[in-house]
PDB file of all heavy atoms in Angstrom:
ATOM      1  N   HIS A   1     -94.671  24.383 -55.222  1.00  0.00           N
ATOM      2  CA  HIS A   1     -94.863  25.838 -55.101  1.00  0.00           C
ATOM      3  C   HIS A   1     -93.595  26.666 -55.413  1.00  0.00           C
ATOM      4  O   HIS A   1     -93.615  27.685 -55.839  1.00  0.00           O
ATOM      5  CB  HIS A   1     -95.548  26.217 -53.899  1.00  0.00           C
ATOM      6  CG  HIS A   1     -94.800  25.869 -52.544  1.00  0.00           C
ATOM      7  ND1 HIS A   1     -94.749  24.564 -52.065  1.00  0.00           N
ATOM      8  CD2 HIS A   1     -93.981  26.619 -51.854  1.00  0.00           C
ATOM      9  CE1 HIS A   1     -94.073  24.636 -51.018  1.00  0.00           C
ATOM     10  NE2 HIS A   1     -93.571  25.786 -50.819  1.00  0.00           N
ATOM     11  N   ALA A   2     -92.437  26.021 -55.067  1.00  0.00           N
ATOM     12  CA  ALA A   2     -91.242  26.709 -55.335  1.00  0.00           C
ATOM     13  C   ALA A   2     -90.956  26.789 -56.828  1.00  0.00           C
ATOM     14  O   ALA A   2     -90.494  27.830 -57.275  1.00  0.00           O
ATOM     15  CB  ALA A   2     -90.060  25.927 -54.622  1.00  0.00           C
ATOM     16  N   ASP A   3     -91.175  25.629 -57.503  1.00  0.00           N
ATOM     17  CA  ASP A   3     -91.013  25.756 -59.016  1.00  0.00           C
ATOM     18  C   ASP A   3     -91.979  26.650 -59.661  1.00  0.00           C
ATOM     19  O   ASP A   3     -91.737  27.341 -60.617  1.00  0.00           O
ATOM     20  CB  ASP A   3     -91.019  24.356 -59.461  1.00  0.00           C
ATOM     21  CG  ASP A   3     -89.718  23.621 -59.290  1.00  0.00           C
ATOM     22  OD1 ASP A   3     -88.761  24.165 -58.798  1.00  0.00           O
ATOM     23  OD2 ASP A   3     -89.563  22.410 -59.664  1.00  0.00           O
ATOM     24  N   LEU A   4     -93.262  26.639 -59.114  1.00  0.00           N
ATOM     25  CA  LEU A   4     -94.257  27.595 -59.717  1.00  0.00           C
ATOM     26  C   LEU A   4     -93.891  29.030 -59.490  1.00  0.00           C
ATOM     27  O   LEU A   4     -93.985  29.854 -60.377  1.00  0.00           O
ATOM     28  CB  LEU A   4     -95.684  27.327 -59.089  1.00  0.00           C
ATOM     29  CG  LEU A   4     -96.351  26.041 -59.501  1.00  0.00           C
ATOM     30  CD1 LEU A   4     -97.528  25.674 -58.570  1.00  0.00           C
ATOM     31  CD2 LEU A   4     -96.869  26.090 -60.957  1.00  0.00           C
ATOM     32  N   GLY A   5     -93.316  29.253 -58.274  1.00  0.00           N
ATOM     33  CA  GLY A   5     -92.790  30.613 -58.006  1.00  0.00           C
ATOM     34  C   GLY A   5     -91.677  31.055 -58.954  1.00  0.00           C
ATOM     35  O   GLY A   5     -91.680  32.147 -59.498  1.00  0.00           O
ATOM     36  N   LYS A   6     -90.729  30.089 -59.135  1.00  0.00           N
ATOM     37  CA  LYS A   6     -89.596  30.359 -60.130  1.00  0.00           C
ATOM     38  C   LYS A   6     -90.104  30.593 -61.503  1.00  0.00           C
ATOM     39  O   LYS A   6     -89.709  31.545 -62.194  1.00  0.00           O
ATOM     40  CB  LYS A   6     -88.645  29.213 -60.127  1.00  0.00           C
ATOM     41  CG  LYS A   6     -87.562  29.464 -61.157  1.00  0.00           C
ATOM     42  CD  LYS A   6     -86.533  28.323 -61.170  1.00  0.00           C
ATOM     43  CE  LYS A   6     -85.469  28.502 -62.218  1.00  0.00           C
ATOM     44  NZ  LYS A   6     -84.565  27.480 -62.374  1.00  0.00           N
ATOM     45  N   ALA A   7     -91.160  29.804 -61.983  1.00  0.00           N
ATOM     46  CA  ALA A   7     -91.691  29.992 -63.288  1.00  0.00           C
ATOM     47  C   ALA A   7     -92.308  31.311 -63.526  1.00  0.00           C
ATOM     48  O   ALA A   7     -92.004  32.008 -64.514  1.00  0.00           O
ATOM     49  CB  ALA A   7     -92.733  28.844 -63.561  1.00  0.00           C
ATOM     50  N   LEU A   8     -93.080  31.751 -62.535  1.00  0.00           N
ATOM     51  CA  LEU A   8     -93.758  33.078 -62.672  1.00  0.00           C
ATOM     52  C   LEU A   8     -92.712  34.222 -62.435  1.00  0.00           C
ATOM     53  O   LEU A   8     -92.858  35.232 -63.163  1.00  0.00           O
ATOM     54  CB  LEU A   8     -94.948  33.101 -61.797  1.00  0.00           C
ATOM     55  CG  LEU A   8     -96.149  32.176 -62.045  1.00  0.00           C
ATOM     56  CD1 LEU A   8     -97.066  32.012 -60.962  1.00  0.00           C
ATOM     57  CD2 LEU A   8     -96.858  32.702 -63.368  1.00  0.00           C
ATOM     58  N   LEU A   9     -91.866  34.101 -61.507  1.00  0.00           N
ATOM     59  CA  LEU A   9     -90.971  35.101 -61.244  1.00  0.00           C
ATOM     60  C   LEU A   9     -89.837  35.258 -62.405  1.00  0.00           C
ATOM     61  O   LEU A   9     -89.175  36.305 -62.508  1.00  0.00           O
ATOM     62  CB  LEU A   9     -90.190  34.947 -59.943  1.00  0.00           C
ATOM     63  CG  LEU A   9     -91.017  35.253 -58.672  1.00  0.00           C
ATOM     64  CD1 LEU A   9     -90.350  34.564 -57.462  1.00  0.00           C
ATOM     65  CD2 LEU A   9     -91.140  36.708 -58.537  1.00  0.00           C
ATOM     66  N   SER A  10     -89.811  34.230 -63.278  1.00  0.00           N
ATOM     67  CA  SER A  10     -88.925  34.357 -64.449  1.00  0.00           C
ATOM     68  C   SER A  10     -89.450  35.225 -65.504  1.00  0.00           C
ATOM     69  O   SER A  10     -88.740  35.633 -66.459  1.00  0.00           O
ATOM     70  CB  SER A  10     -88.590  32.983 -64.963  1.00  0.00           C
ATOM     71  OG  SER A  10     -89.806  32.457 -65.714  1.00  0.00           O
ATOM     72  N   ILE A  11     -90.759  35.608 -65.333  1.00  0.00           N
ATOM     73  CA  ILE A  11     -91.342  36.603 -66.349  1.00  0.00           C
ATOM     74  C   ILE A  11     -90.852  37.929 -65.939  1.00  0.00           C
ATOM     75  O   ILE A  11     -91.108  38.358 -64.706  1.00  0.00           O
ATOM     76  CB  ILE A  11     -92.865  36.486 -66.350  1.00  0.00           C
ATOM     77  CG1 ILE A  11     -93.311  35.032 -66.694  1.00  0.00           C
ATOM     78  CG2 ILE A  11     -93.496  37.451 -67.362  1.00  0.00           C
ATOM     79  CD1 ILE A  11     -94.771  34.711 -66.384  1.00  0.00           C
ATOM     80  N   GLY A  12     -90.356  38.781 -66.813  1.00  0.00           N
ATOM     81  CA  GLY A  12     -89.624  39.982 -66.499  1.00  0.00           C
ATOM     82  C   GLY A  12     -90.484  41.000 -65.730  1.00  0.00           C
ATOM     83  O   GLY A  12     -89.924  41.751 -64.859  1.00  0.00           O
ATOM     84  N   THR A  13     -91.754  40.963 -65.850  1.00  0.00           N
ATOM     85  CA  THR A  13     -92.636  42.009 -65.327  1.00  0.00           C
ATOM     86  C   THR A  13     -93.076  41.686 -63.849  1.00  0.00           C
ATOM     87  O   THR A  13     -93.614  42.471 -63.194  1.00  0.00           O
ATOM     88  CB  THR A  13     -93.899  42.312 -66.104  1.00  0.00           C
ATOM     89  OG1 THR A  13     -94.535  43.354 -65.751  1.00  0.00           O
ATOM     90  CG2 THR A  13     -94.810  41.029 -66.147  1.00  0.00           C
ATOM     91  N   VAL A  14     -92.797  40.474 -63.416  1.00  0.00           N
ATOM     92  CA  VAL A  14     -93.348  39.964 -62.102  1.00  0.00           C
ATOM     93  C   VAL A  14     -92.327  40.348 -60.902  1.00  0.00           C
ATOM     94  O   VAL A  14     -91.102  40.030 -61.094  1.00  0.00           O
ATOM     95  CB  VAL A  14     -93.484  38.342 -62.028  1.00  0.00           C
ATOM     96  CG1 VAL A  14     -93.872  37.873 -60.656  1.00  0.00           C
ATOM     97  CG2 VAL A  14     -94.576  38.063 -63.134  1.00  0.00           C
ATOM     98  N   LYS A  15     -92.825  40.971 -59.886  1.00  0.00           N
ATOM     99  CA  LYS A  15     -92.026  41.414 -58.776  1.00  0.00           C
ATOM    100  C   LYS A  15     -92.258  40.672 -57.464  1.00  0.00           C
ATOM    101  O   LYS A  15     -91.528  40.812 -56.507  1.00  0.00           O
ATOM    102  CB  LYS A  15     -92.185  42.875 -58.625  1.00  0.00           C
ATOM    103  CG  LYS A  15     -91.882  43.776 -59.790  1.00  0.00           C
ATOM    104  CD  LYS A  15     -90.423  43.478 -60.308  1.00  0.00           C
ATOM    105  CE  LYS A  15     -89.333  44.006 -59.318  1.00  0.00           C
ATOM    106  NZ  LYS A  15     -87.991  43.719 -59.954  1.00  0.00           N
ATOM    107  N   ALA A  16     -93.342  39.943 -57.353  1.00  0.00           N
ATOM    108  CA  ALA A  16     -93.656  39.147 -56.105  1.00  0.00           C
ATOM    109  C   ALA A  16     -94.643  38.062 -56.429  1.00  0.00           C
ATOM    110  O   ALA A  16     -95.375  37.977 -57.491  1.00  0.00           O
ATOM    111  CB  ALA A  16     -94.254  40.195 -55.076  1.00  0.00           C
ATOM    112  N   PHE A  17     -94.578  36.986 -55.597  1.00  0.00           N
ATOM    113  CA  PHE A  17     -95.275  35.742 -55.748  1.00  0.00           C
ATOM    114  C   PHE A  17     -95.848  35.304 -54.366  1.00  0.00           C
ATOM    115  O   PHE A  17     -95.161  35.415 -53.328  1.00  0.00           O
ATOM    116  CB  PHE A  17     -94.468  34.638 -56.319  1.00  0.00           C
ATOM    117  CG  PHE A  17     -95.014  33.351 -56.254  1.00  0.00           C
ATOM    118  CD1 PHE A  17     -95.837  32.779 -57.292  1.00  0.00           C
ATOM    119  CD2 PHE A  17     -94.732  32.364 -55.310  1.00  0.00           C
ATOM    120  CE1 PHE A  17     -96.475  31.623 -57.211  1.00  0.00           C
ATOM    121  CE2 PHE A  17     -95.161  31.135 -55.183  1.00  0.00           C
ATOM    122  CZ  PHE A  17     -96.148  30.693 -56.190  1.00  0.00           C
ATOM    123  N   GLU A  18     -97.089  34.836 -54.325  1.00  0.00           N
ATOM    124  CA  GLU A  18     -97.626  34.249 -53.109  1.00  0.00           C
ATOM    125  C   GLU A  18     -98.626  33.149 -53.527  1.00  0.00           C
ATOM    126  O   GLU A  18     -99.171  33.184 -54.561  1.00  0.00           O
ATOM    127  CB  GLU A  18     -98.275  35.263 -52.222  1.00  0.00           C
ATOM    128  CG  GLU A  18     -99.546  35.843 -52.732  1.00  0.00           C
ATOM    129  CD  GLU A  18    -100.258  36.856 -51.685  1.00  0.00           C
ATOM    130  OE1 GLU A  18     -99.597  37.039 -50.663  1.00  0.00           O
ATOM    131  OE2 GLU A  18    -101.291  37.284 -51.969  1.00  0.00           O
ATOM    132  N   ILE A  19     -98.817  32.192 -52.551  1.00  0.00           N
ATOM    133  CA  ILE A  19     -99.676  31.083 -52.859  1.00  0.00           C
ATOM    134  C   ILE A  19    -100.653  30.889 -51.662  1.00  0.00           C
ATOM    135  O   ILE A  19    -100.174  31.117 -50.505  1.00  0.00           O
ATOM    136  CB  ILE A  19     -98.884  29.889 -53.127  1.00  0.00           C
ATOM    137  CG1 ILE A  19     -99.754  28.614 -53.545  1.00  0.00           C
ATOM    138  CG2 ILE A  19     -98.005  29.386 -52.023  1.00  0.00           C
ATOM    139  CD1 ILE A  19     -99.057  27.468 -54.219  1.00  0.00           C
ATOM    140  N   GLY A  20    -101.841  30.502 -51.987  1.00  0.00           N
ATOM    141  CA  GLY A  20    -102.831  30.254 -51.019  1.00  0.00           C
ATOM    142  C   GLY A  20    -103.100  31.651 -50.170  1.00  0.00           C
ATOM    143  O   GLY A  20    -103.334  32.595 -50.877  1.00  0.00           O
ATOM    144  N   ALA A  21    -103.076  31.568 -48.824  1.00  0.00           N
ATOM    145  CA  ALA A  21    -103.314  32.817 -48.164  1.00  0.00           C
ATOM    146  C   ALA A  21    -102.206  33.739 -48.283  1.00  0.00           C
ATOM    147  O   ALA A  21    -102.297  34.798 -47.720  1.00  0.00           O
ATOM    148  CB  ALA A  21    -103.559  32.405 -46.705  1.00  0.00           C
ATOM    149  N   GLY A  22    -100.999  33.201 -48.575  1.00  0.00           N
ATOM    150  CA  GLY A  22     -99.889  34.107 -48.854  1.00  0.00           C
ATOM    151  C   GLY A  22     -99.350  34.782 -47.657  1.00  0.00           C
ATOM    152  O   GLY A  22     -99.333  34.212 -46.541  1.00  0.00           O
ATOM    153  N   PHE A  23     -99.141  36.197 -47.812  1.00  0.00           N
ATOM    154  CA  PHE A  23     -98.531  36.999 -46.675  1.00  0.00           C
ATOM    155  C   PHE A  23     -99.552  37.047 -45.555  1.00  0.00           C
ATOM    156  O   PHE A  23     -99.183  37.446 -44.357  1.00  0.00           O
ATOM    157  CB  PHE A  23     -98.148  38.309 -47.254  1.00  0.00           C
ATOM    158  CG  PHE A  23     -96.851  38.338 -47.910  1.00  0.00           C
ATOM    159  CD1 PHE A  23     -96.790  38.200 -49.295  1.00  0.00           C
ATOM    160  CD2 PHE A  23     -95.680  38.374 -47.189  1.00  0.00           C
ATOM    161  CE1 PHE A  23     -95.635  38.187 -49.974  1.00  0.00           C
ATOM    162  CE2 PHE A  23     -94.461  38.422 -47.940  1.00  0.00           C
ATOM    163  CZ  PHE A  23     -94.402  38.232 -49.282  1.00  0.00           C
ATOM    164  N   ASP A  24    -100.857  36.823 -45.820  1.00  0.00           N
ATOM    165  CA  ASP A  24    -101.829  36.891 -44.702  1.00  0.00           C
ATOM    166  C   ASP A  24    -101.544  35.887 -43.558  1.00  0.00           C
ATOM    167  O   ASP A  24    -102.041  36.152 -42.414  1.00  0.00           O
ATOM    168  CB  ASP A  24    -103.235  36.696 -45.241  1.00  0.00           C
ATOM    169  CG  ASP A  24    -103.671  37.823 -46.052  1.00  0.00           C
ATOM    170  OD1 ASP A  24    -103.074  38.958 -45.906  1.00  0.00           O
ATOM    171  OD2 ASP A  24    -104.725  37.741 -46.744  1.00  0.00           O
ATOM    172  N   VAL A  25    -100.831  34.764 -43.829  1.00  0.00           N
ATOM    173  CA  VAL A  25    -100.571  33.794 -42.858  1.00  0.00           C
ATOM    174  C   VAL A  25     -99.739  34.490 -41.650  1.00  0.00           C
ATOM    175  O   VAL A  25     -99.779  33.867 -40.590  1.00  0.00           O
ATOM    176  CB  VAL A  25     -99.997  32.509 -43.315  1.00  0.00           C
ATOM    177  CG1 VAL A  25    -100.812  31.881 -44.372  1.00  0.00           C
ATOM    178  CG2 VAL A  25     -98.597  32.818 -43.953  1.00  0.00           C
ATOM    179  N   ALA A  26     -98.924  35.433 -41.986  1.00  0.00           N
ATOM    180  CA  ALA A  26     -98.176  35.994 -40.976  1.00  0.00           C
ATOM    181  C   ALA A  26     -98.856  36.664 -39.805  1.00  0.00           C
ATOM    182  O   ALA A  26     -98.445  36.847 -38.725  1.00  0.00           O
ATOM    183  CB  ALA A  26     -97.257  37.101 -41.547  1.00  0.00           C
ATOM    184  N   GLU A  27    -100.212  36.907 -40.076  1.00  0.00           N
ATOM    185  CA  GLU A  27    -101.067  37.470 -38.985  1.00  0.00           C
ATOM    186  C   GLU A  27    -102.037  36.438 -38.426  1.00  0.00           C
ATOM    187  O   GLU A  27    -102.861  36.807 -37.648  1.00  0.00           O
ATOM    188  CB  GLU A  27    -101.800  38.666 -39.574  1.00  0.00           C
ATOM    189  CG  GLU A  27    -100.986  39.773 -40.211  1.00  0.00           C
ATOM    190  CD  GLU A  27    -101.762  40.853 -40.788  1.00  0.00           C
ATOM    191  OE1 GLU A  27    -102.990  40.805 -40.777  1.00  0.00           O
ATOM    192  OE2 GLU A  27    -101.095  41.861 -41.285  1.00  0.00           O
ATOM    193  N   MET A  28    -101.907  35.283 -38.836  1.00  0.00           N
ATOM    194  CA  MET A  28    -102.860  34.138 -38.252  1.00  0.00           C
ATOM    195  C   MET A  28    -102.264  33.424 -37.161  1.00  0.00           C
ATOM    196  O   MET A  28    -101.026  33.304 -36.995  1.00  0.00           O
ATOM    197  CB  MET A  28    -103.274  33.194 -39.446  1.00  0.00           C
ATOM    198  CG  MET A  28    -103.946  33.813 -40.538  1.00  0.00           C
ATOM    199  SD  MET A  28    -104.239  32.508 -41.841  1.00  0.00           S
ATOM    200  CE  MET A  28    -104.969  33.464 -43.117  1.00  0.00           C
ATOM    201  N   ASP A  29    -103.200  32.882 -36.276  1.00  0.00           N
ATOM    202  CA  ASP A  29    -102.711  31.813 -35.388  1.00  0.00           C
ATOM    203  C   ASP A  29    -102.678  30.532 -36.103  1.00  0.00           C
ATOM    204  O   ASP A  29    -103.337  30.360 -37.208  1.00  0.00           O
ATOM    205  CB  ASP A  29    -103.722  31.698 -34.227  1.00  0.00           C
ATOM    206  CG  ASP A  29    -103.798  33.023 -33.358  1.00  0.00           C
ATOM    207  OD1 ASP A  29    -102.698  33.647 -33.337  1.00  0.00           O
ATOM    208  OD2 ASP A  29    -104.756  33.301 -32.793  1.00  0.00           O
ATOM    209  N   GLY A  30    -102.059  29.548 -35.548  1.00  0.00           N
ATOM    210  CA  GLY A  30    -101.905  28.214 -36.105  1.00  0.00           C
ATOM    211  C   GLY A  30    -103.270  27.529 -36.343  1.00  0.00           C
ATOM    212  O   GLY A  30    -103.535  26.902 -37.300  1.00  0.00           O
ATOM    213  N   SER A  31    -104.141  27.774 -35.355  1.00  0.00           N
ATOM    214  CA  SER A  31    -105.497  27.160 -35.480  1.00  0.00           C
ATOM    215  C   SER A  31    -106.273  27.739 -36.546  1.00  0.00           C
ATOM    216  O   SER A  31    -107.253  27.126 -37.078  1.00  0.00           O
ATOM    217  CB  SER A  31    -106.327  27.426 -34.049  1.00  0.00           C
ATOM    218  OG  SER A  31    -106.307  28.863 -33.792  1.00  0.00           O
ATOM    219  N   GLU A  32    -106.020  28.987 -37.028  1.00  0.00           N
ATOM    220  CA  GLU A  32    -106.626  29.629 -38.110  1.00  0.00           C
ATOM    221  C   GLU A  32    -105.980  29.226 -39.494  1.00  0.00           C
ATOM    222  O   GLU A  32    -106.665  29.004 -40.453  1.00  0.00           O
ATOM    223  CB  GLU A  32    -106.648  31.095 -37.962  1.00  0.00           C
ATOM    224  CG  GLU A  32    -107.416  31.825 -39.077  1.00  0.00           C
ATOM    225  CD  GLU A  32    -107.251  33.376 -38.969  1.00  0.00           C
ATOM    226  OE1 GLU A  32    -106.612  33.885 -38.077  1.00  0.00           O
ATOM    227  OE2 GLU A  32    -107.903  34.045 -39.839  1.00  0.00           O
ATOM    228  N   SER A  33    -104.677  29.142 -39.314  1.00  0.00           N
ATOM    229  CA  SER A  33    -103.938  28.897 -40.615  1.00  0.00           C
ATOM    230  C   SER A  33    -104.132  27.493 -41.121  1.00  0.00           C
ATOM    231  O   SER A  33    -104.120  27.220 -42.323  1.00  0.00           O
ATOM    232  CB  SER A  33    -102.416  29.182 -40.375  1.00  0.00           C
ATOM    233  OG  SER A  33    -101.683  28.829 -41.532  1.00  0.00           O
ATOM    234  N   ASN A  34    -104.102  26.476 -40.234  1.00  0.00           N
ATOM    235  CA  ASN A  34    -104.217  25.040 -40.509  1.00  0.00           C
ATOM    236  C   ASN A  34    -105.419  24.726 -41.345  1.00  0.00           C
ATOM    237  O   ASN A  34    -106.528  25.118 -40.858  1.00  0.00           O
ATOM    238  CB  ASN A  34    -104.157  24.162 -39.351  1.00  0.00           C
ATOM    239  CG  ASN A  34    -102.733  24.224 -38.730  1.00  0.00           C
ATOM    240  OD1 ASN A  34    -101.718  24.605 -39.257  1.00  0.00           O
ATOM    241  ND2 ASN A  34    -102.691  23.708 -37.455  1.00  0.00           N
ATOM    242  N   ASP A  35    -105.254  24.069 -42.395  1.00  0.00           N
ATOM    243  CA  ASP A  35    -106.412  23.569 -43.255  1.00  0.00           C
ATOM    244  C   ASP A  35    -106.760  22.187 -42.688  1.00  0.00           C
ATOM    245  O   ASP A  35    -105.883  21.293 -42.491  1.00  0.00           O
ATOM    246  CB  ASP A  35    -106.084  23.382 -44.699  1.00  0.00           C
ATOM    247  CG  ASP A  35    -105.700  24.680 -45.405  1.00  0.00           C
ATOM    248  OD1 ASP A  35    -106.233  25.763 -44.989  1.00  0.00           O
ATOM    249  OD2 ASP A  35    -104.878  24.795 -46.290  1.00  0.00           O
TER     250      ASP A  35
END
């Protein structure tokens, strides 16, 4: 996912990248976040 992020962020127009639930995990409990 780090290399995917680099690949996409290397495109000039891209300003942010997230994978899966992304920034939403910051508001989850571990019991909700864990797959």
